[in-house]
Each structure stands twice: as C-alpha cells, then as structure tokens.
PDB file of N, CA and C in Angstrom:
ATOM      1  N   MET A   1       2.531  -1.609 -22.506  1.00  0.00           N
ATOM      2  CA  MET A   1       1.409  -0.694 -22.620  1.00  0.00           C
ATOM      3  C   MET A   1       1.565   0.174 -23.865  1.00  0.00           C
ATOM      4  N   ALA A   2       2.779   0.709 -24.057  1.00  0.00           N
ATOM      5  CA  ALA A   2       3.009   1.568 -25.217  1.00  0.00           C
ATOM      6  C   ALA A   2       2.869   0.775 -26.514  1.00  0.00           C
ATOM      7  N   SER A   3       3.348  -0.467 -26.506  1.00  0.00           N
ATOM      8  CA  SER A   3       3.241  -1.301 -27.697  1.00  0.00           C
ATOM      9  C   SER A   3       1.773  -1.587 -28.023  1.00  0.00           C
ATOM     10  N   MET A   4       0.972  -1.820 -26.988  1.00  0.00           N
ATOM     11  CA  MET A   4      -0.444  -2.084 -27.211  1.00  0.00           C
ATOM     12  C   MET A   4      -1.139  -0.853 -27.802  1.00  0.00           C
ATOM     13  N   CYS A   5      -0.817   0.325 -27.297  1.00  0.00           N
ATOM     14  CA  CYS A   5      -1.415   1.551 -27.823  1.00  0.00           C
ATOM     15  C   CYS A   5      -0.964   1.812 -29.253  1.00  0.00           C
ATOM     16  N   ALA A   6       0.305   1.501 -29.555  1.00  0.00           N
ATOM     17  CA  ALA A   6       0.796   1.684 -30.922  1.00  0.00           C
ATOM     18  C   ALA A   6       0.072   0.754 -31.883  1.00  0.00           C
ATOM     19  N   ARG A   7      -0.146  -0.464 -31.461  1.00  0.00           N
ATOM     20  CA  ARG A   7      -0.875  -1.411 -32.316  1.00  0.00           C
ATOM     21  C   ARG A   7      -2.336  -0.977 -32.508  1.00  0.00           C
ATOM     22  N   LEU A   8      -2.931  -0.483 -31.443  1.00  0.00           N
ATOM     23  CA  LEU A   8      -4.311  -0.001 -31.538  1.00  0.00           C
ATOM     24  C   LEU A   8      -4.398   1.178 -32.506  1.00  0.00           C
ATOM     25  N   GLY A   9      -3.428   2.094 -32.411  1.00  0.00           N
ATOM     26  CA  GLY A   9      -3.400   3.221 -33.339  1.00  0.00           C
ATOM     27  C   GLY A   9      -3.190   2.778 -34.766  1.00  0.00           C
ATOM     28  N   GLY A  10      -2.354   1.757 -34.971  1.00  0.00           N
ATOM     29  CA  GLY A  10      -2.134   1.224 -36.316  1.00  0.00           C
ATOM     30  C   GLY A  10      -3.375   0.587 -36.905  1.00  0.00           C
ATOM     31  N   VAL A  11      -4.202   0.019 -36.062  1.00  0.00           N
ATOM     32  CA  VAL A  11      -5.453  -0.585 -36.539  1.00  0.00           C
ATOM     33  C   VAL A  11      -6.509   0.490 -36.792  1.00  0.00           C
ATOM     34  N   LEU A  12      -6.582   1.481 -35.910  1.00  0.00           N
ATOM     35  CA  LEU A  12      -7.639   2.489 -36.022  1.00  0.00           C
ATOM     36  C   LEU A  12      -7.369   3.551 -37.091  1.00  0.00           C
ATOM     37  N   ALA A  13      -6.112   3.831 -37.392  1.00  0.00           N
ATOM     38  CA  ALA A  13      -5.798   4.900 -38.347  1.00  0.00           C
ATOM     39  C   ALA A  13      -6.432   4.686 -39.718  1.00  0.00           C
ATOM     40  N   PRO A  14      -6.320   3.510 -40.320  1.00  0.00           N
ATOM     41  CA  PRO A  14      -6.988   3.333 -41.621  1.00  0.00           C
ATOM     42  C   PRO A  14      -8.512   3.400 -41.522  1.00  0.00           C
ATOM     43  N   LEU A  15      -9.052   2.930 -40.397  1.00  0.00           N
ATOM     44  CA  LEU A  15     -10.509   2.982 -40.247  1.00  0.00           C
ATOM     45  C   LEU A  15     -10.996   4.422 -40.111  1.00  0.00           C
ATOM     46  N   ILE A  16     -10.247   5.224 -39.374  1.00  0.00           N
ATOM     47  CA  ILE A  16     -10.619   6.633 -39.236  1.00  0.00           C
ATOM     48  C   ILE A  16     -10.454   7.346 -40.573  1.00  0.00           C
ATOM     49  N   ASN A  17      -9.432   6.965 -41.318  1.00  0.00           N
ATOM     50  CA  ASN A  17      -9.217   7.583 -42.624  1.00  0.00           C
ATOM     51  C   ASN A  17     -10.342   7.238 -43.602  1.00  0.00           C
ATOM     52  N   MET A  18     -10.973   6.083 -43.417  1.00  0.00           N
ATOM     53  CA  MET A  18     -12.099   5.704 -44.286  1.00  0.00           C
ATOM     54  C   MET A  18     -13.316   6.579 -44.025  1.00  0.00           C
ATOM     55  N   LEU A  19     -13.364   7.276 -42.895  1.00  0.00           N
ATOM     56  CA  LEU A  19     -14.481   8.183 -42.622  1.00  0.00           C
ATOM     57  C   LEU A  19     -14.452   9.414 -43.521  1.00  0.00           C
ATOM     58  N   ARG A  20     -13.383   9.573 -44.296  1.00  0.00           N
ATOM     59  CA  ARG A  20     -13.265  10.730 -45.189  1.00  0.00           C
ATOM     60  C   ARG A  20     -14.314  10.690 -46.303  1.00  0.00           C
ATOM     61  N   GLU A  21     -14.734   9.504 -46.695  1.00  0.00           N
ATOM     62  CA  GLU A  21     -15.694   9.396 -47.800  1.00  0.00           C
ATOM     63  C   GLU A  21     -17.030  10.055 -47.463  1.00  0.00           C
ATOM     64  N   PRO A  22     -17.676   9.763 -46.313  1.00  0.00           N
ATOM     65  CA  PRO A  22     -18.950  10.445 -46.046  1.00  0.00           C
ATOM     66  C   PRO A  22     -18.767  11.916 -45.656  1.00  0.00           C
ATOM     67  N   THR A  23     -17.801  12.200 -44.790  1.00  0.00           N
ATOM     68  CA  THR A  23     -17.564  13.588 -44.365  1.00  0.00           C
ATOM     69  C   THR A  23     -16.056  13.824 -44.305  1.00  0.00           C
ATOM     70  N   PRO A  24     -15.516  14.679 -45.160  1.00  0.00           N
ATOM     71  CA  PRO A  24     -14.066  14.867 -45.248  1.00  0.00           C
ATOM     72  C   PRO A  24     -13.424  15.492 -44.005  1.00  0.00           C
ATOM     73  N   THR A  25     -14.177  16.150 -43.161  1.00  0.00           N
ATOM     74  CA  THR A  25     -13.573  16.825 -42.017  1.00  0.00           C
ATOM     75  C   THR A  25     -13.439  15.948 -40.773  1.00  0.00           C
ATOM     76  N   VAL A  26     -14.152  14.825 -40.717  1.00  0.00           N
ATOM     77  CA  VAL A  26     -14.130  13.987 -39.521  1.00  0.00           C
ATOM     78  C   VAL A  26     -12.727  13.448 -39.217  1.00  0.00           C
ATOM     79  N   PRO A  27     -11.976  12.879 -40.183  1.00  0.00           N
ATOM     80  CA  PRO A  27     -10.623  12.418 -39.836  1.00  0.00           C
ATOM     81  C   PRO A  27      -9.713  13.547 -39.357  1.00  0.00           C
ATOM     82  N   MET A  28      -9.841  14.729 -39.948  1.00  0.00           N
ATOM     83  CA  MET A  28      -9.015  15.854 -39.519  1.00  0.00           C
ATOM     84  C   MET A  28      -9.347  16.252 -38.080  1.00  0.00           C
ATOM     85  N   ILE A  29     -10.611  16.218 -37.729  1.00  0.00           N
ATOM     86  CA  ILE A  29     -11.026  16.560 -36.364  1.00  0.00           C
ATOM     87  C   ILE A  29     -10.498  15.520 -35.378  1.00  0.00           C
ATOM     88  N   ILE A  30     -10.624  14.231 -35.717  1.00  0.00           N
ATOM     89  CA  ILE A  30     -10.165  13.170 -34.818  1.00  0.00           C
ATOM     90  C   ILE A  30      -8.655  13.227 -34.657  1.00  0.00           C
ATOM     91  N   PHE A  31      -7.917  13.326 -35.777  1.00  0.00           N
ATOM     92  CA  PHE A  31      -6.462  13.360 -35.705  1.00  0.00           C
ATOM     93  C   PHE A  31      -5.953  14.673 -35.124  1.00  0.00           C
ATOM     94  N   GLY A  32      -6.742  15.711 -35.149  1.00  0.00           N
ATOM     95  CA  GLY A  32      -6.352  16.976 -34.527  1.00  0.00           C
ATOM     96  C   GLY A  32      -6.650  17.012 -33.040  1.00  0.00           C
ATOM     97  N   CYS A  33      -7.723  16.363 -32.620  1.00  0.00           N
ATOM     98  CA  CYS A  33      -8.088  16.370 -31.198  1.00  0.00           C
ATOM     99  C   CYS A  33      -7.270  15.379 -30.378  1.00  0.00           C
ATOM    100  N   ALA A  34      -6.789  14.311 -31.002  1.00  0.00           N
ATOM    101  CA  ALA A  34      -6.022  13.302 -30.266  1.00  0.00           C
ATOM    102  C   ALA A  34      -4.753  13.888 -29.630  1.00  0.00           C
ATOM    103  N   PRO A  35      -3.926  14.668 -30.344  1.00  0.00           N
ATOM    104  CA  PRO A  35      -2.749  15.250 -29.681  1.00  0.00           C
ATOM    105  C   PRO A  35      -3.121  16.275 -28.614  1.00  0.00           C
ATOM    106  N   LEU A  36      -4.198  17.004 -28.840  1.00  0.00           N
ATOM    107  CA  LEU A  36      -4.626  17.973 -27.825  1.00  0.00           C
ATOM    108  C   LEU A  36      -5.079  17.258 -26.553  1.00  0.00           C
ATOM    109  N   LEU A  37      -5.745  16.139 -26.718  1.00  0.00           N
ATOM    110  CA  LEU A  37      -6.153  15.343 -25.565  1.00  0.00           C
ATOM    111  C   LEU A  37      -4.922  14.797 -24.833  1.00  0.00           C
ATOM    112  N   GLY A  38      -3.935  14.327 -25.594  1.00  0.00           N
ATOM    113  CA  GLY A  38      -2.700  13.837 -24.982  1.00  0.00           C
ATOM    114  C   GLY A  38      -1.968  14.928 -24.223  1.00  0.00           C
ATOM    115  N   ALA A  39      -1.928  16.127 -24.781  1.00  0.00           N
ATOM    116  CA  ALA A  39      -1.273  17.253 -24.096  1.00  0.00           C
ATOM    117  C   ALA A  39      -2.022  17.626 -22.825  1.00  0.00           C
ATOM    118  N   ALA A  40      -3.341  17.598 -22.868  1.00  0.00           N
ATOM    119  CA  ALA A  40      -4.126  17.923 -21.682  1.00  0.00           C
ATOM    120  C   ALA A  40      -3.918  16.868 -20.594  1.00  0.00           C
ATOM    121  N   LEU A  41      -3.817  15.601 -20.989  1.00  0.00           N
ATOM    122  CA  LEU A  41      -3.586  14.548 -20.008  1.00  0.00           C
ATOM    123  C   LEU A  41      -2.173  14.629 -19.435  1.00  0.00           C
ATOM    124  N   ALA A  42      -1.217  15.118 -20.210  1.00  0.00           N
ATOM    125  CA  ALA A  42       0.153  15.263 -19.715  1.00  0.00           C
ATOM    126  C   ALA A  42       0.238  16.313 -18.611  1.00  0.00           C
ATOM    127  N   LEU A  43      -0.683  17.234 -18.588  1.00  0.00           N
ATOM    128  CA  LEU A  43      -0.694  18.240 -17.522  1.00  0.00           C
ATOM    129  C   LEU A  43      -1.005  17.623 -16.158  1.00  0.00           C
ATOM    130  N   ALA A  44      -1.620  16.452 -16.160  1.00  0.00           N
ATOM    131  CA  ALA A  44      -1.958  15.779 -14.907  1.00  0.00           C
ATOM    132  C   ALA A  44      -0.765  15.024 -14.316  1.00  0.00           C
ATOM    133  N   LEU A  45       0.343  14.893 -15.067  1.00  0.00           N
ATOM    134  CA  LEU A  45       1.514  14.194 -14.556  1.00  0.00           C
ATOM    135  C   LEU A  45       2.161  15.012 -13.445  1.00  0.00           C
ATOM    136  N   PRO A  46       2.799  14.355 -12.486  1.00  0.00           N
ATOM    137  CA  PRO A  46       3.427  15.103 -11.388  1.00  0.00           C
ATOM    138  C   PRO A  46       4.628  15.905 -11.879  1.00  0.00           C
ATOM    139  N   GLU A  47       4.863  17.041 -11.244  1.00  0.00           N
ATOM    140  CA  GLU A  47       5.990  17.900 -11.598  1.00  0.00           C
ATOM    141  C   GLU A  47       7.278  17.295 -11.058  1.00  0.00           C
ATOM    142  N   THR A  48       8.312  17.231 -11.889  1.00  0.00           N
ATOM    143  CA  THR A  48       9.590  16.663 -11.462  1.00  0.00           C
ATOM    144  C   THR A  48      10.743  17.651 -11.602  1.00  0.00           C
ATOM    145  N   ALA A  49      10.487  18.876 -12.001  1.00  0.00           N
ATOM    146  CA  ALA A  49      11.554  19.865 -12.120  1.00  0.00           C
ATOM    147  C   ALA A  49      12.101  20.208 -10.741  1.00  0.00           C
ATOM    148  N   ASN A  50      13.406  20.331 -10.643  1.00  0.00           N
ATOM    149  CA  ASN A  50      14.113  20.668  -9.405  1.00  0.00           C
ATOM    150  C   ASN A  50      13.880  19.656  -8.291  1.00  0.00           C
ATOM    151  N   GLN A  51      13.544  18.432  -8.639  1.00  0.00           N
ATOM    152  CA  GLN A  51      13.385  17.360  -7.656  1.00  0.00           C
ATOM    153  C   GLN A  51      14.623  16.471  -7.717  1.00  0.00           C
ATOM    154  N   PRO A  52      15.124  16.022  -6.574  1.00  0.00           N
ATOM    155  CA  PRO A  52      16.302  15.144  -6.606  1.00  0.00           C
ATOM    156  C   PRO A  52      15.950  13.780  -7.191  1.00  0.00           C
ATOM    157  N   LEU A  53      16.864  13.259  -8.010  1.00  0.00           N
ATOM    158  CA  LEU A  53      16.664  11.930  -8.578  1.00  0.00           C
ATOM    159  C   LEU A  53      17.114  10.876  -7.575  1.00  0.00           C
ATOM    160  N   PRO A  54      16.468   9.712  -7.565  1.00  0.00           N
ATOM    161  CA  PRO A  54      16.902   8.664  -6.636  1.00  0.00           C
ATOM    162  C   PRO A  54      18.273   8.134  -7.049  1.00  0.00           C
ATOM    163  N   ASP A  55      19.130   7.879  -6.048  1.00  0.00           N
ATOM    164  CA  ASP A  55      20.465   7.363  -6.314  1.00  0.00           C
ATOM    165  C   ASP A  55      20.519   5.848  -6.271  1.00  0.00           C
ATOM    166  N   ASP A  56      19.651   5.227  -5.504  1.00  0.00           N
ATOM    167  CA  ASP A  56      19.647   3.776  -5.404  1.00  0.00           C
ATOM    168  C   ASP A  56      18.230   3.288  -5.120  1.00  0.00           C
ATOM    169  N   ILE A  57      18.102   1.981  -4.979  1.00  0.00           N
ATOM    170  CA  ILE A  57      16.790   1.361  -4.780  1.00  0.00           C
ATOM    171  C   ILE A  57      16.147   1.816  -3.472  1.00  0.00           C
ATOM    172  N   GLN A  58      16.944   2.054  -2.451  1.00  0.00           N
ATOM    173  CA  GLN A  58      16.389   2.462  -1.162  1.00  0.00           C
ATOM    174  C   GLN A  58      15.688   3.812  -1.264  1.00  0.00           C
ATOM    175  N   ASP A  59      16.200   4.705  -2.097  1.00  0.00           N
ATOM    176  CA  ASP A  59      15.545   6.004  -2.272  1.00  0.00           C
ATOM    177  C   ASP A  59      14.165   5.855  -2.884  1.00  0.00           C
ATOM    178  N   ILE A  60      14.001   4.854  -3.719  1.00  0.00           N
ATOM    179  CA  ILE A  60      12.706   4.639  -4.371  1.00  0.00           C
ATOM    180  C   ILE A  60      11.730   3.981  -3.403  1.00  0.00           C
ATOM    181  N   GLN A  61      12.221   3.060  -2.585  1.00  0.00           N
ATOM    182  CA  GLN A  61      11.346   2.314  -1.694  1.00  0.00           C
ATOM    183  C   GLN A  61      10.923   3.107  -0.473  1.00  0.00           C
ATOM    184  N   GLU A  62      11.742   4.058  -0.021  1.00  0.00           N
ATOM    185  CA  GLU A  62      11.409   4.853   1.150  1.00  0.00           C
ATOM    186  C   GLU A  62      10.481   5.997   0.785  1.00  0.00           C
ATOM    187  N   PRO A  63       9.626   6.392   1.710  1.00  0.00           N
ATOM    188  CA  PRO A  63       8.849   7.604   1.449  1.00  0.00           C
ATOM    189  C   PRO A  63       9.778   8.811   1.430  1.00  0.00           C
ATOM    190  N   ALA A  64       9.459   9.786   0.641  1.00  0.00           N
ATOM    191  CA  ALA A  64      10.303  10.973   0.492  1.00  0.00           C
ATOM    192  C   ALA A  64      10.148  11.876   1.709  1.00  0.00           C
ATOM    193  N   VAL A  65      10.915  11.634   2.755  1.00  0.00           N
ATOM    194  CA  VAL A  65      10.894  12.444   3.963  1.00  0.00           C
ATOM    195  C   VAL A  65      12.308  12.964   4.173  1.00  0.00           C
ATOM    196  N   GLY A  66      12.557  14.196   3.803  1.00  0.00           N
ATOM    197  CA  GLY A  66      13.891  14.776   3.960  1.00  0.00           C
ATOM    198  C   GLY A  66      14.907  14.090   3.073  1.00  0.00           C
ATOM    199  N   THR A  67      16.174  14.234   3.435  1.00  0.00           N
ATOM    200  CA  THR A  67      17.232  13.595   2.667  1.00  0.00           C
ATOM    201  C   THR A  67      18.146  12.796   3.585  1.00  0.00           C
ATOM    202  N   SER A  68      17.582  12.151   4.597  1.00  0.00           N
ATOM    203  CA  SER A  68      18.361  11.391   5.559  1.00  0.00           C
ATOM    204  C   SER A  68      19.010  10.194   4.876  1.00  0.00           C
ATOM    205  N   GLN A  69      20.338  10.065   5.043  1.00  0.00           N
ATOM    206  CA  GLN A  69      21.065   8.957   4.450  1.00  0.00           C
ATOM    207  C   GLN A  69      21.885   8.235   5.510  1.00  0.00           C
ATOM    208  N   SER A  70      21.476   8.292   6.767  1.00  0.00           N
ATOM    209  CA  SER A  70      22.270   7.748   7.853  1.00  0.00           C
ATOM    210  C   SER A  70      22.242   6.226   7.902  1.00  0.00           C
ATOM    211  N   HIS A  71      21.247   5.573   7.336  1.00  0.00           N
ATOM    212  CA  HIS A  71      21.118   4.133   7.439  1.00  0.00           C
ATOM    213  C   HIS A  71      21.806   3.391   6.303  1.00  0.00           C
ATOM    214  N   ARG A  72      22.421   4.073   5.389  1.00  0.00           N
ATOM    215  CA  ARG A  72      23.004   3.433   4.212  1.00  0.00           C
ATOM    216  C   ARG A  72      24.304   2.715   4.552  1.00  0.00           C
ATOM    217  N   THR A  73      24.519   1.603   3.860  1.00  0.00           N
ATOM    218  CA  THR A  73      25.790   0.892   3.961  1.00  0.00           C
ATOM    219  C   THR A  73      26.649   1.287   2.778  1.00  0.00           C
ATOM    220  N   SER A  74      27.836   0.708   2.692  1.00  0.00           N
ATOM    221  CA  SER A  74      28.709   1.056   1.570  1.00  0.00           C
ATOM    222  C   SER A  74      28.115   0.609   0.240  1.00  0.00           C
ATOM    223  N   GLU A  75      27.255  -0.421   0.258  1.00  0.00           N
ATOM    224  CA  GLU A  75      26.625  -0.868  -0.986  1.00  0.00           C
ATOM    225  C   GLU A  75      25.566   0.117  -1.459  1.00  0.00           C
ATOM    226  N   GLY A  76      24.978   0.879  -0.552  1.00  0.00           N
ATOM    227  CA  GLY A  76      23.912   1.782  -0.922  1.00  0.00           C
ATOM    228  C   GLY A  76      24.367   3.210  -1.110  1.00  0.00           C
ATOM    229  N   GLN A  77      25.676   3.460  -1.159  1.00  0.00           N
ATOM    230  CA  GLN A  77      26.164   4.820  -1.325  1.00  0.00           C
ATOM    231  C   GLN A  77      25.894   5.307  -2.737  1.00  0.00           C
ATOM    232  N   PRO A  78      25.606   6.573  -2.880  1.00  0.00           N
ATOM    233  CA  PRO A  78      25.443   7.120  -4.227  1.00  0.00           C
ATOM    234  C   PRO A  78      26.753   7.042  -5.006  1.00  0.00           C
ATOM    235  N   LEU A  79      26.675   7.050  -6.293  1.00  0.00           N
ATOM    236  CA  LEU A  79      27.833   6.942  -7.164  1.00  0.00           C
ATOM    237  C   LEU A  79      28.802   8.096  -6.947  1.00  0.00           C
ATOM    238  N   GLN A  80      28.292   9.307  -6.671  1.00  0.00           N
ATOM    239  CA  GLN A  80      29.163  10.455  -6.459  1.00  0.00           C
ATOM    240  C   GLN A  80      30.086  10.217  -5.258  1.00  0.00           C
ATOM    241  N   ASP A  81      29.579   9.613  -4.176  1.00  0.00           N
ATOM    242  CA  ASP A  81      30.382   9.358  -2.991  1.00  0.00           C
ATOM    243  C   ASP A  81      31.472   8.329  -3.260  1.00  0.00           C
ATOM    244  N   LEU A  82      31.194   7.340  -4.080  1.00  0.00           N
ATOM    245  CA  LEU A  82      32.156   6.296  -4.360  1.00  0.00           C
ATOM    246  C   LEU A  82      33.295   6.799  -5.248  1.00  0.00           C
ATOM    247  N   THR A  83      32.989   7.669  -6.197  1.00  0.00           N
ATOM    248  CA  THR A  83      34.014   8.127  -7.123  1.00  0.00           C
ATOM    249  C   THR A  83      34.829   9.279  -6.566  1.00  0.00           C
ATOM    250  N   SER A  84      34.318  10.034  -5.603  1.00  0.00           N
ATOM    251  CA  SER A  84      35.045  11.176  -5.085  1.00  0.00           C
ATOM    252  C   SER A  84      36.090  10.798  -4.050  1.00  0.00           C
ATOM    253  N   GLY A  85      36.099   9.538  -3.580  1.00  0.00           N
ATOM    254  CA  GLY A  85      37.026   9.122  -2.554  1.00  0.00           C
ATOM    255  C   GLY A  85      38.439   8.838  -3.063  1.00  0.00           C
ATOM    256  N   SER A  86      38.670   8.768  -4.356  1.00  0.00           N
ATOM    257  CA  SER A  86      39.992   8.412  -4.858  1.00  0.00           C
ATOM    258  C   SER A  86      40.877   9.559  -5.185  1.00  0.00           C
TER     259      SER A  86
END
C-alpha cells in the first residue's frame, strides 16, 4: 500500500508542479494542504499510549478482555517469563 502511494506521489508531483505556469500559488496550496490532511487523518488512529503490547500470537487473536494468561502453555509464555527463570 505504501509503495503504491509513493509511486502515485512520484507520478503526480511533476504534474502538480506544471500547474505553476497558469497560477503560481496552486502547487504551493496543494503541497501545503497534503501534509495537513495527513495530520488530520492521523488523529483518527486509535490511541496506543500506555497500552500493553502483545507478547505472542494468542494476545493478538484474543479479544482484549483483562490480562488473563491462565490458558497459555510453555510455548506461549512471554519472553520475560522465559528469561527470568535462570
């Protein structure tokens, strides 16, 4: 997805720059509004500050209900538990 957007930007940048001939301010407006639009869209991303990171695949697949780890086997133990035992 990111590669496709980068290629699209690479194609559109020279075309937008060609708009400078009829009106010199149009490319500046487009290139100035694009980062502002990206910043506004980033505000819609979910907040992840102070959230626990998943330790294994089971944490990702399970719904986030508490921090119950009673069903884990030795293969699903977090890395901290495996290294602290020695």
